[in-house]
């Protein structure tokens, strides 16, 4: 059995969120997984593209390098770091096998942001297919358009709108439940704190406390 490959966007300003997400994935997974942080400075050799003024994180564009980093083989998952995994992420395989002909699988949100600010107090931008790219299942062989040259040169909105994809499959919104934009959902697999953490998020705070307890035990 091959581990499920997961790539997570990494930004120094959001490193706590990254580690909490990783802890939640590892704690719930029943089968082998591999997790790779997308750290911009480690990708600079083939991703010299400067960060644009509307790119709110270091991983706004690097997520689209996942098929290249996966050698265009098998399936890989990309996740924003401001998420929390509440269920076994390897069960997403059940959704993948139903749509083998799709280039990517995403949660196809259809909404307008309710606030002017998002994670980290950054200015919110509105565009078609917003937040579709925050959780992506890549069918890597079908995403060969995403060479590092293409990712370096393509307009950011073209990348995030998936104009490069021939076919886009749909995942249940439970795999990318937008906290603060959608009502509370006990069936959510993954919570996405796209508007940022306000301090009263029970599930995230519980996971953070569990992670801290692990660190204390290790010391």
N, C-alpha and C. Protein backbone atom coordinates (compact mmCIF):
# COMPACT_ATOMS: atom_id res chain seq x y z
N UNK A 1 0.84 -1.20 0.00
CA UNK A 1 0.00 0.00 0.00
C UNK A 1 0.87 1.25 0.00
N UNK A 2 0.59 2.14 -0.95
CA UNK A 2 1.31 3.41 -0.98
C UNK A 2 0.68 4.39 -0.01
N UNK A 3 1.50 5.16 0.71
CA UNK A 3 0.93 6.20 1.58
C UNK A 3 0.16 7.23 0.76
N UNK A 4 -0.89 7.75 1.33
CA UNK A 4 -1.62 8.86 0.72
C UNK A 4 -0.76 10.11 0.84
N UNK A 5 -0.47 10.74 -0.29
CA UNK A 5 0.41 11.92 -0.30
C UNK A 5 -0.40 13.19 -0.04
N UNK A 6 0.03 13.93 0.95
CA UNK A 6 -0.64 15.17 1.32
C UNK A 6 0.39 16.30 1.34
N UNK A 7 0.10 17.37 0.64
CA UNK A 7 0.93 18.57 0.64
C UNK A 7 0.15 19.68 1.33
N UNK A 8 0.82 20.39 2.22
CA UNK A 8 0.15 21.45 2.98
C UNK A 8 0.89 22.76 2.79
N UNK A 9 0.16 23.81 2.49
CA UNK A 9 0.77 25.13 2.36
C UNK A 9 1.38 25.58 3.68
N UNK A 10 2.60 26.14 3.59
CA UNK A 10 3.30 26.57 4.81
C UNK A 10 3.67 28.04 4.68
N UNK A 11 3.40 28.78 5.75
CA UNK A 11 3.77 30.19 5.84
C UNK A 11 4.23 30.43 7.27
N UNK A 12 5.36 31.11 7.42
CA UNK A 12 5.90 31.35 8.77
C UNK A 12 4.87 32.03 9.67
N UNK A 13 4.03 32.86 9.10
CA UNK A 13 3.03 33.56 9.91
C UNK A 13 1.89 32.64 10.35
N UNK A 14 1.82 31.46 9.75
CA UNK A 14 0.73 30.53 10.06
C UNK A 14 1.28 29.18 10.52
N UNK A 15 2.49 29.15 11.07
CA UNK A 15 3.12 27.87 11.39
C UNK A 15 2.40 27.12 12.50
N UNK A 16 1.78 27.82 13.44
CA UNK A 16 1.02 27.12 14.47
C UNK A 16 -0.15 26.38 13.85
N UNK A 17 -0.87 27.03 12.95
CA UNK A 17 -1.98 26.38 12.26
C UNK A 17 -1.51 25.15 11.50
N UNK A 18 -0.35 25.25 10.87
CA UNK A 18 0.20 24.12 10.13
C UNK A 18 0.39 22.91 11.05
N UNK A 19 1.02 23.13 12.19
CA UNK A 19 1.31 22.01 13.09
C UNK A 19 0.04 21.43 13.71
N UNK A 20 -0.93 22.27 13.99
CA UNK A 20 -2.20 21.77 14.51
C UNK A 20 -2.91 20.92 13.46
N UNK A 21 -2.90 21.36 12.21
CA UNK A 21 -3.50 20.58 11.14
C UNK A 21 -2.81 19.23 10.99
N UNK A 22 -1.48 19.23 10.96
CA UNK A 22 -0.75 17.97 10.83
C UNK A 22 -1.10 17.02 11.96
N UNK A 23 -1.15 17.54 13.17
CA UNK A 23 -1.49 16.70 14.32
C UNK A 23 -2.88 16.10 14.15
N UNK A 24 -3.83 16.88 13.67
CA UNK A 24 -5.19 16.38 13.51
C UNK A 24 -5.28 15.31 12.42
N UNK A 25 -4.49 15.46 11.36
CA UNK A 25 -4.46 14.46 10.29
C UNK A 25 -3.88 13.15 10.81
N UNK A 26 -2.73 13.24 11.46
CA UNK A 26 -2.05 12.04 11.96
C UNK A 26 -2.90 11.32 13.00
N UNK A 27 -3.58 12.07 13.83
CA UNK A 27 -4.35 11.47 14.91
C UNK A 27 -5.54 10.68 14.39
N UNK A 28 -6.09 11.10 13.25
CA UNK A 28 -7.31 10.46 12.75
C UNK A 28 -7.08 9.45 11.63
N UNK A 29 -5.92 9.47 11.00
CA UNK A 29 -5.67 8.59 9.85
C UNK A 29 -5.52 7.14 10.28
N UNK A 30 -6.17 6.23 9.57
CA UNK A 30 -6.09 4.80 9.86
C UNK A 30 -5.07 4.09 9.02
N UNK A 31 -4.66 4.71 7.90
CA UNK A 31 -3.73 4.08 6.98
C UNK A 31 -2.54 5.01 6.73
N UNK A 32 -1.44 4.48 6.14
CA UNK A 32 -0.24 5.30 5.98
C UNK A 32 -0.47 6.55 5.14
N UNK A 33 0.13 7.63 5.57
CA UNK A 33 0.09 8.90 4.84
C UNK A 33 1.49 9.50 4.84
N UNK A 34 1.75 10.37 3.90
CA UNK A 34 2.98 11.18 3.93
C UNK A 34 2.56 12.63 3.82
N UNK A 35 3.21 13.48 4.58
CA UNK A 35 2.86 14.90 4.61
C UNK A 35 4.09 15.73 4.24
N UNK A 36 3.91 16.61 3.27
CA UNK A 36 5.00 17.48 2.81
C UNK A 36 4.56 18.93 2.94
N UNK A 37 5.29 19.75 3.69
CA UNK A 37 4.98 21.18 3.72
C UNK A 37 5.51 21.86 2.46
N UNK A 38 4.72 22.74 1.89
CA UNK A 38 5.18 23.53 0.74
C UNK A 38 5.83 24.80 1.27
N UNK A 39 7.15 24.75 1.43
CA UNK A 39 7.92 25.87 1.98
C UNK A 39 8.55 26.63 0.82
N UNK A 40 8.17 27.86 0.67
CA UNK A 40 8.54 28.63 -0.52
C UNK A 40 10.05 28.66 -0.77
N UNK A 41 10.85 28.87 0.25
CA UNK A 41 12.29 29.00 0.04
C UNK A 41 12.91 27.69 -0.43
N UNK A 42 12.29 26.57 -0.09
CA UNK A 42 12.79 25.28 -0.54
C UNK A 42 12.45 25.01 -2.01
N UNK A 43 11.52 25.78 -2.55
CA UNK A 43 11.07 25.60 -3.93
C UNK A 43 11.63 26.65 -4.87
N UNK A 44 12.45 27.54 -4.35
CA UNK A 44 12.90 28.71 -5.12
C UNK A 44 13.73 28.33 -6.34
N UNK A 45 14.37 27.15 -6.34
CA UNK A 45 15.21 26.75 -7.46
C UNK A 45 14.40 26.65 -8.76
N UNK A 46 13.18 26.18 -8.67
CA UNK A 46 12.35 26.07 -9.86
C UNK A 46 11.05 26.86 -9.72
N UNK A 47 10.98 27.69 -8.68
CA UNK A 47 9.82 28.58 -8.54
C UNK A 47 10.31 29.97 -8.13
N UNK A 48 10.94 30.68 -9.09
CA UNK A 48 11.48 32.02 -8.79
C UNK A 48 10.42 33.12 -8.83
N UNK A 49 9.20 32.77 -9.13
CA UNK A 49 8.13 33.76 -9.26
C UNK A 49 8.00 34.59 -7.98
N UNK A 50 8.08 35.91 -8.08
CA UNK A 50 7.91 36.74 -6.87
C UNK A 50 6.49 36.71 -6.36
N UNK A 51 6.35 36.89 -5.07
CA UNK A 51 5.02 36.89 -4.47
C UNK A 51 4.27 38.15 -4.89
N UNK A 52 3.07 37.98 -5.42
CA UNK A 52 2.29 39.10 -5.92
C UNK A 52 1.59 39.86 -4.81
N UNK A 53 1.15 41.07 -5.09
CA UNK A 53 0.52 41.92 -4.07
C UNK A 53 -0.80 41.37 -3.54
N UNK A 54 -1.47 40.52 -4.30
CA UNK A 54 -2.75 39.96 -3.87
C UNK A 54 -2.60 38.55 -3.31
N UNK A 55 -1.36 38.06 -3.24
CA UNK A 55 -1.13 36.72 -2.69
C UNK A 55 -1.02 36.82 -1.18
N UNK A 56 -2.01 36.30 -0.49
CA UNK A 56 -2.08 36.49 0.96
C UNK A 56 -1.15 35.57 1.74
N UNK A 57 -0.62 34.52 1.08
CA UNK A 57 0.28 33.60 1.76
C UNK A 57 1.43 33.20 0.84
N UNK A 58 2.44 32.57 1.42
CA UNK A 58 3.57 32.06 0.63
C UNK A 58 3.18 30.90 -0.28
N UNK A 59 2.03 30.29 0.00
CA UNK A 59 1.64 29.11 -0.78
C UNK A 59 0.50 29.39 -1.75
N UNK A 60 0.22 30.66 -2.00
CA UNK A 60 -0.87 31.00 -2.92
C UNK A 60 -0.68 30.35 -4.29
N UNK A 61 0.56 30.29 -4.75
CA UNK A 61 0.85 29.73 -6.08
C UNK A 61 1.53 28.37 -5.99
N UNK A 62 2.35 28.14 -4.97
CA UNK A 62 3.14 26.90 -4.91
C UNK A 62 2.28 25.65 -4.86
N UNK A 63 1.04 25.75 -4.45
CA UNK A 63 0.14 24.58 -4.42
C UNK A 63 0.03 23.92 -5.78
N UNK A 64 0.16 24.72 -6.84
CA UNK A 64 -0.02 24.18 -8.18
C UNK A 64 1.23 23.44 -8.68
N UNK A 65 2.26 23.38 -7.86
CA UNK A 65 3.44 22.58 -8.17
C UNK A 65 3.30 21.13 -7.68
N UNK A 66 2.21 20.82 -7.00
CA UNK A 66 2.05 19.49 -6.41
C UNK A 66 2.16 18.36 -7.45
N UNK A 67 1.51 18.44 -8.61
CA UNK A 67 1.69 17.35 -9.58
C UNK A 67 3.15 17.19 -10.02
N UNK A 68 3.84 18.32 -10.23
CA UNK A 68 5.26 18.25 -10.59
C UNK A 68 6.08 17.61 -9.47
N UNK A 69 5.82 18.01 -8.23
CA UNK A 69 6.54 17.44 -7.10
C UNK A 69 6.19 15.97 -6.88
N UNK A 70 5.08 15.54 -7.43
CA UNK A 70 4.66 14.14 -7.33
C UNK A 70 5.08 13.33 -8.56
N UNK A 71 5.91 13.94 -9.41
CA UNK A 71 6.39 13.28 -10.64
C UNK A 71 5.23 12.85 -11.54
N UNK A 72 4.12 13.58 -11.46
CA UNK A 72 2.94 13.32 -12.27
C UNK A 72 2.47 11.87 -12.14
N UNK A 73 2.55 11.37 -10.92
CA UNK A 73 2.20 9.97 -10.66
C UNK A 73 1.15 9.87 -9.56
N UNK A 74 0.14 9.04 -9.78
CA UNK A 74 -0.85 8.76 -8.75
C UNK A 74 -1.69 9.97 -8.39
N UNK A 75 -2.18 9.97 -7.16
CA UNK A 75 -2.99 11.05 -6.64
C UNK A 75 -2.27 11.74 -5.49
N UNK A 76 -2.47 13.04 -5.38
CA UNK A 76 -1.94 13.81 -4.25
C UNK A 76 -3.02 14.79 -3.81
N UNK A 77 -2.98 15.11 -2.52
CA UNK A 77 -3.92 16.07 -1.96
C UNK A 77 -3.17 17.34 -1.56
N UNK A 78 -3.74 18.46 -1.88
CA UNK A 78 -3.24 19.75 -1.37
C UNK A 78 -4.26 20.31 -0.38
N UNK A 79 -3.73 20.90 0.72
CA UNK A 79 -4.58 21.54 1.73
C UNK A 79 -3.97 22.86 2.16
N UNK A 80 -4.82 23.88 2.36
CA UNK A 80 -4.38 25.09 3.06
C UNK A 80 -4.07 24.73 4.51
N UNK A 81 -3.23 25.53 5.14
CA UNK A 81 -2.82 25.20 6.50
C UNK A 81 -3.83 25.60 7.56
N UNK A 82 -4.80 26.45 7.21
CA UNK A 82 -5.76 26.92 8.20
C UNK A 82 -6.98 26.01 8.27
N UNK A 83 -6.71 24.73 8.30
CA UNK A 83 -7.75 23.71 8.33
C UNK A 83 -7.58 22.83 9.55
N UNK A 84 -8.59 22.03 9.83
CA UNK A 84 -8.55 21.07 10.91
C UNK A 84 -9.26 19.81 10.44
N UNK A 85 -8.57 18.67 10.55
CA UNK A 85 -9.10 17.40 10.09
C UNK A 85 -9.81 16.69 11.24
N UNK A 86 -11.08 16.41 11.06
CA UNK A 86 -11.88 15.78 12.12
C UNK A 86 -12.14 14.30 11.88
N UNK A 87 -11.83 13.80 10.68
CA UNK A 87 -12.09 12.41 10.32
C UNK A 87 -10.85 11.81 9.66
N UNK A 88 -10.92 10.53 9.39
CA UNK A 88 -9.84 9.82 8.70
C UNK A 88 -9.76 10.31 7.26
N UNK A 89 -8.68 11.02 6.93
CA UNK A 89 -8.57 11.61 5.60
C UNK A 89 -8.39 10.55 4.52
N UNK A 90 -7.92 9.34 4.88
CA UNK A 90 -7.71 8.32 3.86
C UNK A 90 -9.04 7.81 3.29
N UNK A 91 -10.16 8.11 3.95
CA UNK A 91 -11.45 7.69 3.40
C UNK A 91 -11.83 8.49 2.16
N UNK A 92 -11.07 9.51 1.85
CA UNK A 92 -11.36 10.27 0.63
C UNK A 92 -11.13 9.40 -0.61
N UNK A 93 -10.41 8.30 -0.43
CA UNK A 93 -10.21 7.37 -1.54
C UNK A 93 -11.55 6.88 -2.10
N UNK A 94 -12.56 6.80 -1.24
CA UNK A 94 -13.88 6.36 -1.69
C UNK A 94 -14.46 7.33 -2.72
N UNK A 95 -14.14 8.62 -2.58
CA UNK A 95 -14.63 9.62 -3.55
C UNK A 95 -13.76 9.63 -4.81
N UNK A 96 -12.47 9.36 -4.63
CA UNK A 96 -11.55 9.38 -5.77
C UNK A 96 -11.91 8.28 -6.77
N UNK A 97 -12.18 7.08 -6.28
CA UNK A 97 -12.41 5.96 -7.19
C UNK A 97 -13.72 6.11 -7.97
N UNK A 98 -14.60 6.98 -7.51
CA UNK A 98 -15.86 7.21 -8.23
C UNK A 98 -15.68 8.12 -9.43
N UNK A 99 -14.54 8.88 -9.48
CA UNK A 99 -14.35 9.88 -10.54
C UNK A 99 -12.95 9.78 -11.13
N UNK A 100 -12.59 8.60 -11.66
CA UNK A 100 -11.21 8.40 -12.15
C UNK A 100 -10.88 9.21 -13.40
N UNK A 101 -11.92 9.75 -14.06
CA UNK A 101 -11.71 10.48 -15.31
C UNK A 101 -11.49 11.97 -15.10
N UNK A 102 -11.47 12.44 -13.84
CA UNK A 102 -11.33 13.87 -13.57
C UNK A 102 -9.87 14.26 -13.32
N UNK A 103 -9.50 15.45 -13.80
CA UNK A 103 -8.14 15.96 -13.57
C UNK A 103 -7.93 16.31 -12.10
N UNK A 104 -8.94 16.93 -11.53
CA UNK A 104 -8.88 17.33 -10.12
C UNK A 104 -10.26 17.10 -9.50
N UNK A 105 -10.26 16.96 -8.18
CA UNK A 105 -11.50 16.92 -7.41
C UNK A 105 -11.43 18.04 -6.39
N UNK A 106 -12.49 18.83 -6.31
CA UNK A 106 -12.51 19.96 -5.38
C UNK A 106 -13.91 20.10 -4.80
N UNK A 107 -14.00 20.84 -3.71
CA UNK A 107 -15.30 21.25 -3.16
C UNK A 107 -15.73 22.50 -3.91
N UNK A 108 -16.82 22.40 -4.63
CA UNK A 108 -17.21 23.47 -5.55
C UNK A 108 -18.11 24.49 -4.84
N UNK A 109 -17.46 25.32 -4.04
CA UNK A 109 -18.18 26.36 -3.29
C UNK A 109 -18.84 27.36 -4.24
N UNK A 110 -20.01 27.81 -3.86
CA UNK A 110 -20.71 28.85 -4.61
C UNK A 110 -21.22 29.87 -3.59
N UNK A 111 -20.37 30.83 -3.27
CA UNK A 111 -20.72 31.80 -2.23
C UNK A 111 -19.97 33.10 -2.46
N UNK A 112 -20.41 34.14 -1.79
CA UNK A 112 -19.72 35.43 -1.76
C UNK A 112 -19.22 35.64 -0.33
N UNK A 113 -17.93 35.95 -0.15
CA UNK A 113 -17.42 36.14 1.21
C UNK A 113 -18.24 37.14 2.01
N UNK A 114 -18.45 36.82 3.27
CA UNK A 114 -19.31 37.66 4.11
C UNK A 114 -18.56 38.79 4.78
N UNK A 115 -17.23 38.81 4.68
CA UNK A 115 -16.43 39.85 5.32
C UNK A 115 -15.42 40.42 4.32
N UNK A 116 -14.86 41.57 4.68
CA UNK A 116 -13.83 42.19 3.85
C UNK A 116 -12.44 41.67 4.16
N UNK A 117 -12.28 41.00 5.31
CA UNK A 117 -10.99 40.49 5.73
C UNK A 117 -11.06 38.98 5.87
N UNK A 118 -9.89 38.32 5.70
CA UNK A 118 -9.83 36.87 5.86
C UNK A 118 -8.67 36.53 6.79
N UNK A 119 -8.18 35.28 6.72
CA UNK A 119 -7.11 34.81 7.58
C UNK A 119 -5.98 35.82 7.70
N UNK A 120 -5.54 36.07 8.95
CA UNK A 120 -4.44 36.99 9.19
C UNK A 120 -4.80 38.45 9.01
N UNK A 121 -6.10 38.76 8.91
CA UNK A 121 -6.52 40.14 8.74
C UNK A 121 -6.23 40.69 7.36
N UNK A 122 -6.01 39.80 6.40
CA UNK A 122 -5.69 40.24 5.04
C UNK A 122 -6.96 40.58 4.27
N UNK A 123 -6.81 41.44 3.27
CA UNK A 123 -7.96 41.87 2.49
C UNK A 123 -8.54 40.71 1.70
N UNK A 124 -9.85 40.59 1.72
CA UNK A 124 -10.56 39.54 1.01
C UNK A 124 -10.68 39.90 -0.47
N UNK A 125 -10.51 38.92 -1.35
CA UNK A 125 -10.75 39.12 -2.77
C UNK A 125 -11.86 38.17 -3.20
N UNK A 126 -12.68 38.62 -4.14
CA UNK A 126 -13.79 37.81 -4.61
C UNK A 126 -13.60 37.50 -6.09
N UNK A 127 -13.76 36.23 -6.45
CA UNK A 127 -13.61 35.82 -7.84
C UNK A 127 -14.35 34.49 -8.01
N UNK A 128 -14.71 34.14 -9.27
CA UNK A 128 -15.40 32.87 -9.50
C UNK A 128 -14.56 31.69 -9.01
N UNK A 129 -15.22 30.69 -8.45
CA UNK A 129 -14.58 29.47 -7.95
C UNK A 129 -13.69 29.74 -6.74
N UNK A 130 -14.01 30.75 -5.98
CA UNK A 130 -13.23 31.08 -4.79
C UNK A 130 -13.24 29.90 -3.81
N UNK A 131 -12.08 29.63 -3.27
CA UNK A 131 -11.82 28.57 -2.30
C UNK A 131 -11.88 27.17 -2.88
N UNK A 132 -12.11 27.05 -4.18
CA UNK A 132 -12.01 25.72 -4.79
C UNK A 132 -10.59 25.19 -4.65
N UNK A 133 -9.61 26.07 -4.70
CA UNK A 133 -8.21 25.65 -4.71
C UNK A 133 -7.62 25.48 -3.31
N UNK A 134 -8.44 25.61 -2.28
CA UNK A 134 -7.90 25.47 -0.91
C UNK A 134 -7.80 24.02 -0.47
N UNK A 135 -8.52 23.13 -1.17
CA UNK A 135 -8.40 21.68 -0.94
C UNK A 135 -8.56 21.02 -2.30
N UNK A 136 -7.49 20.42 -2.79
CA UNK A 136 -7.48 19.85 -4.14
C UNK A 136 -6.99 18.41 -4.09
N UNK A 137 -7.71 17.53 -4.75
CA UNK A 137 -7.20 16.20 -5.04
C UNK A 137 -6.71 16.22 -6.49
N UNK A 138 -5.41 16.08 -6.68
CA UNK A 138 -4.82 16.09 -8.01
C UNK A 138 -4.70 14.67 -8.56
N UNK A 139 -5.25 14.44 -9.75
CA UNK A 139 -4.93 13.24 -10.53
C UNK A 139 -3.68 13.62 -11.32
N UNK A 140 -2.52 13.34 -10.75
CA UNK A 140 -1.27 13.98 -11.18
C UNK A 140 -0.96 13.78 -12.66
N UNK A 141 -1.18 12.59 -13.18
CA UNK A 141 -0.86 12.33 -14.58
C UNK A 141 -1.71 13.18 -15.51
N UNK A 142 -2.91 13.52 -15.08
CA UNK A 142 -3.82 14.35 -15.89
C UNK A 142 -3.52 15.85 -15.76
N UNK A 143 -2.55 16.19 -14.92
CA UNK A 143 -2.23 17.60 -14.66
C UNK A 143 -0.85 17.98 -15.19
N UNK A 144 -0.45 17.38 -16.30
CA UNK A 144 0.88 17.65 -16.85
C UNK A 144 1.01 19.06 -17.41
N UNK A 145 -0.11 19.76 -17.58
CA UNK A 145 -0.05 21.18 -17.97
C UNK A 145 0.68 21.99 -16.90
N UNK A 146 0.60 21.53 -15.66
CA UNK A 146 1.20 22.27 -14.54
C UNK A 146 2.69 21.98 -14.42
N UNK A 147 3.43 22.36 -15.46
CA UNK A 147 4.89 22.33 -15.36
C UNK A 147 5.34 23.49 -14.48
N UNK A 148 6.59 23.44 -14.01
CA UNK A 148 7.03 24.56 -13.17
C UNK A 148 7.10 25.85 -13.98
N UNK A 149 7.35 25.75 -15.29
CA UNK A 149 7.36 26.96 -16.12
C UNK A 149 5.95 27.56 -16.22
N UNK A 150 4.96 26.70 -16.42
CA UNK A 150 3.59 27.19 -16.51
C UNK A 150 3.16 27.84 -15.20
N UNK A 151 3.46 27.19 -14.09
CA UNK A 151 3.07 27.73 -12.78
C UNK A 151 3.79 29.05 -12.51
N UNK A 152 5.00 29.20 -12.99
CA UNK A 152 5.73 30.45 -12.81
C UNK A 152 5.14 31.60 -13.62
N UNK A 153 4.57 31.27 -14.78
CA UNK A 153 4.18 32.31 -15.73
C UNK A 153 2.68 32.60 -15.81
N UNK A 154 1.86 31.64 -15.45
CA UNK A 154 0.41 31.79 -15.64
C UNK A 154 -0.17 32.83 -14.70
N UNK A 155 -1.19 33.58 -15.15
CA UNK A 155 -1.87 34.51 -14.24
C UNK A 155 -2.43 33.76 -13.03
N UNK A 156 -2.31 34.37 -11.87
CA UNK A 156 -2.75 33.72 -10.63
C UNK A 156 -4.22 33.31 -10.70
N UNK A 157 -5.06 34.17 -11.24
CA UNK A 157 -6.49 33.84 -11.30
C UNK A 157 -6.76 32.67 -12.24
N UNK A 158 -5.97 32.52 -13.30
CA UNK A 158 -6.13 31.36 -14.18
C UNK A 158 -5.83 30.08 -13.42
N UNK A 159 -4.81 30.12 -12.59
CA UNK A 159 -4.47 28.94 -11.80
C UNK A 159 -5.59 28.60 -10.82
N UNK A 160 -6.06 29.60 -10.09
CA UNK A 160 -7.07 29.36 -9.06
C UNK A 160 -8.46 29.08 -9.64
N UNK A 161 -8.70 29.50 -10.86
CA UNK A 161 -9.99 29.20 -11.51
C UNK A 161 -9.96 27.88 -12.26
N UNK A 162 -8.80 27.22 -12.29
CA UNK A 162 -8.64 25.92 -12.94
C UNK A 162 -8.88 25.98 -14.45
N UNK A 163 -8.48 27.08 -15.08
CA UNK A 163 -8.64 27.16 -16.53
C UNK A 163 -7.75 26.15 -17.24
N UNK A 164 -6.74 25.64 -16.55
CA UNK A 164 -5.80 24.67 -17.11
C UNK A 164 -6.34 23.23 -17.06
N UNK A 165 -7.42 23.01 -16.32
CA UNK A 165 -7.95 21.66 -16.14
C UNK A 165 -9.01 21.36 -17.19
N UNK A 166 -8.95 20.17 -17.75
CA UNK A 166 -9.96 19.75 -18.73
C UNK A 166 -11.24 19.27 -18.06
N UNK A 167 -11.12 18.71 -16.87
CA UNK A 167 -12.31 18.20 -16.19
C UNK A 167 -12.14 18.36 -14.68
N UNK A 168 -13.18 18.84 -14.03
CA UNK A 168 -13.14 19.10 -12.59
C UNK A 168 -14.23 18.29 -11.92
N UNK A 169 -13.83 17.40 -11.03
CA UNK A 169 -14.78 16.61 -10.27
C UNK A 169 -15.20 17.33 -9.00
N UNK A 170 -16.26 16.84 -8.40
CA UNK A 170 -16.82 17.49 -7.23
C UNK A 170 -16.70 16.61 -5.99
N UNK A 171 -16.26 17.21 -4.90
CA UNK A 171 -16.22 16.57 -3.60
C UNK A 171 -17.32 17.13 -2.72
N UNK A 172 -17.76 16.34 -1.77
CA UNK A 172 -18.70 16.85 -0.78
C UNK A 172 -18.10 18.06 -0.07
N UNK A 173 -18.92 19.06 0.20
CA UNK A 173 -18.45 20.24 0.93
C UNK A 173 -17.94 19.88 2.32
N UNK A 174 -18.29 18.70 2.81
CA UNK A 174 -17.79 18.27 4.12
C UNK A 174 -16.27 18.17 4.16
N UNK A 175 -15.64 18.07 2.99
CA UNK A 175 -14.18 18.00 2.93
C UNK A 175 -13.52 19.38 2.97
N UNK A 176 -14.31 20.43 2.98
CA UNK A 176 -13.75 21.79 3.04
C UNK A 176 -14.85 22.72 3.55
N UNK A 177 -15.25 22.50 4.79
CA UNK A 177 -16.37 23.25 5.36
C UNK A 177 -15.88 24.62 5.84
N UNK A 178 -16.43 25.67 5.28
CA UNK A 178 -15.95 27.03 5.53
C UNK A 178 -16.55 27.58 6.82
N UNK A 179 -15.75 27.60 7.86
CA UNK A 179 -16.21 28.08 9.17
C UNK A 179 -16.47 29.59 9.09
N UNK A 180 -17.62 30.01 9.56
CA UNK A 180 -17.99 31.42 9.51
C UNK A 180 -18.76 31.80 8.27
N UNK A 181 -18.62 31.00 7.21
CA UNK A 181 -19.39 31.22 5.98
C UNK A 181 -20.57 30.27 5.90
N UNK A 182 -20.41 29.08 6.46
CA UNK A 182 -21.47 28.08 6.48
C UNK A 182 -21.91 27.85 7.92
N UNK A 183 -23.12 27.38 8.13
CA UNK A 183 -23.57 27.09 9.51
C UNK A 183 -22.80 25.91 10.10
N UNK A 184 -22.91 25.75 11.40
CA UNK A 184 -22.24 24.64 12.09
C UNK A 184 -22.66 23.32 11.48
N UNK A 185 -21.68 22.40 11.35
CA UNK A 185 -21.94 21.13 10.66
C UNK A 185 -21.23 19.98 11.37
N UNK A 186 -21.94 19.19 12.15
CA UNK A 186 -21.31 18.08 12.87
C UNK A 186 -20.81 16.97 11.95
N UNK A 187 -21.21 17.00 10.68
CA UNK A 187 -20.77 15.98 9.72
C UNK A 187 -19.53 16.38 8.94
N UNK A 188 -18.99 17.56 9.20
CA UNK A 188 -17.81 18.03 8.46
C UNK A 188 -16.62 17.12 8.71
N UNK A 189 -15.89 16.81 7.64
CA UNK A 189 -14.64 16.06 7.73
C UNK A 189 -13.47 16.99 8.01
N UNK A 190 -13.51 18.15 7.37
CA UNK A 190 -12.44 19.14 7.51
C UNK A 190 -13.05 20.51 7.70
N UNK A 191 -12.64 21.19 8.75
CA UNK A 191 -13.05 22.57 8.98
C UNK A 191 -12.00 23.50 8.39
N UNK A 192 -12.45 24.51 7.68
CA UNK A 192 -11.54 25.48 7.07
C UNK A 192 -11.81 26.85 7.67
N UNK A 193 -10.83 27.35 8.42
CA UNK A 193 -10.98 28.65 9.08
C UNK A 193 -10.52 29.76 8.14
N UNK A 194 -11.23 29.87 7.03
CA UNK A 194 -10.84 30.80 5.98
C UNK A 194 -10.92 32.26 6.41
N UNK A 195 -11.74 32.55 7.42
CA UNK A 195 -11.84 33.92 7.92
C UNK A 195 -10.88 34.19 9.07
N UNK A 196 -10.07 33.19 9.41
CA UNK A 196 -9.14 33.34 10.53
C UNK A 196 -9.71 32.77 11.81
N UNK A 197 -8.86 32.64 12.81
CA UNK A 197 -9.27 32.12 14.11
C UNK A 197 -9.66 33.27 15.03
N UNK A 198 -10.83 33.15 15.62
CA UNK A 198 -11.33 34.22 16.49
C UNK A 198 -11.04 33.96 17.96
N UNK A 199 -10.66 32.71 18.29
CA UNK A 199 -10.33 32.37 19.67
C UNK A 199 -11.36 31.50 20.35
N UNK A 200 -12.56 31.35 19.75
CA UNK A 200 -13.61 30.57 20.40
C UNK A 200 -13.94 29.29 19.62
N UNK A 201 -13.01 28.83 18.77
CA UNK A 201 -13.25 27.64 17.97
C UNK A 201 -12.94 26.40 18.80
N UNK A 202 -13.96 25.73 19.28
CA UNK A 202 -13.80 24.63 20.23
C UNK A 202 -12.93 23.51 19.67
N UNK A 203 -13.21 23.08 18.44
CA UNK A 203 -12.47 21.93 17.88
C UNK A 203 -10.99 22.27 17.71
N UNK A 204 -10.71 23.46 17.17
CA UNK A 204 -9.32 23.85 16.95
C UNK A 204 -8.58 23.99 18.28
N UNK A 205 -9.21 24.64 19.25
CA UNK A 205 -8.57 24.82 20.55
C UNK A 205 -8.29 23.49 21.24
N UNK A 206 -9.19 22.52 21.08
CA UNK A 206 -8.97 21.20 21.66
C UNK A 206 -7.76 20.53 21.03
N UNK A 207 -7.66 20.62 19.70
CA UNK A 207 -6.53 20.01 18.99
C UNK A 207 -5.23 20.70 19.38
N UNK A 208 -5.26 22.02 19.50
CA UNK A 208 -4.07 22.78 19.91
C UNK A 208 -3.60 22.33 21.30
N UNK A 209 -4.55 22.14 22.20
CA UNK A 209 -4.21 21.68 23.55
C UNK A 209 -3.62 20.28 23.52
N UNK A 210 -4.16 19.41 22.70
CA UNK A 210 -3.63 18.05 22.57
C UNK A 210 -2.21 18.07 22.04
N UNK A 211 -1.95 18.94 21.07
CA UNK A 211 -0.60 19.06 20.52
C UNK A 211 0.37 19.56 21.56
N UNK A 212 -0.04 20.53 22.35
CA UNK A 212 0.81 21.04 23.42
C UNK A 212 1.11 19.95 24.44
N UNK A 213 0.14 19.11 24.75
CA UNK A 213 0.35 18.02 25.69
C UNK A 213 1.39 17.03 25.15
N UNK A 214 1.35 16.78 23.85
CA UNK A 214 2.35 15.91 23.23
C UNK A 214 3.74 16.50 23.36
N UNK A 215 3.86 17.82 23.13
CA UNK A 215 5.16 18.49 23.24
C UNK A 215 5.70 18.40 24.67
N UNK A 216 4.82 18.58 25.65
CA UNK A 216 5.25 18.50 27.05
C UNK A 216 5.75 17.09 27.37
N UNK A 217 5.04 16.07 26.89
CA UNK A 217 5.44 14.69 27.12
C UNK A 217 6.81 14.40 26.51
N UNK A 218 7.06 14.96 25.31
CA UNK A 218 8.34 14.73 24.64
C UNK A 218 9.48 15.38 25.41
N UNK A 219 9.22 16.55 25.99
CA UNK A 219 10.26 17.23 26.78
C UNK A 219 10.55 16.41 28.04
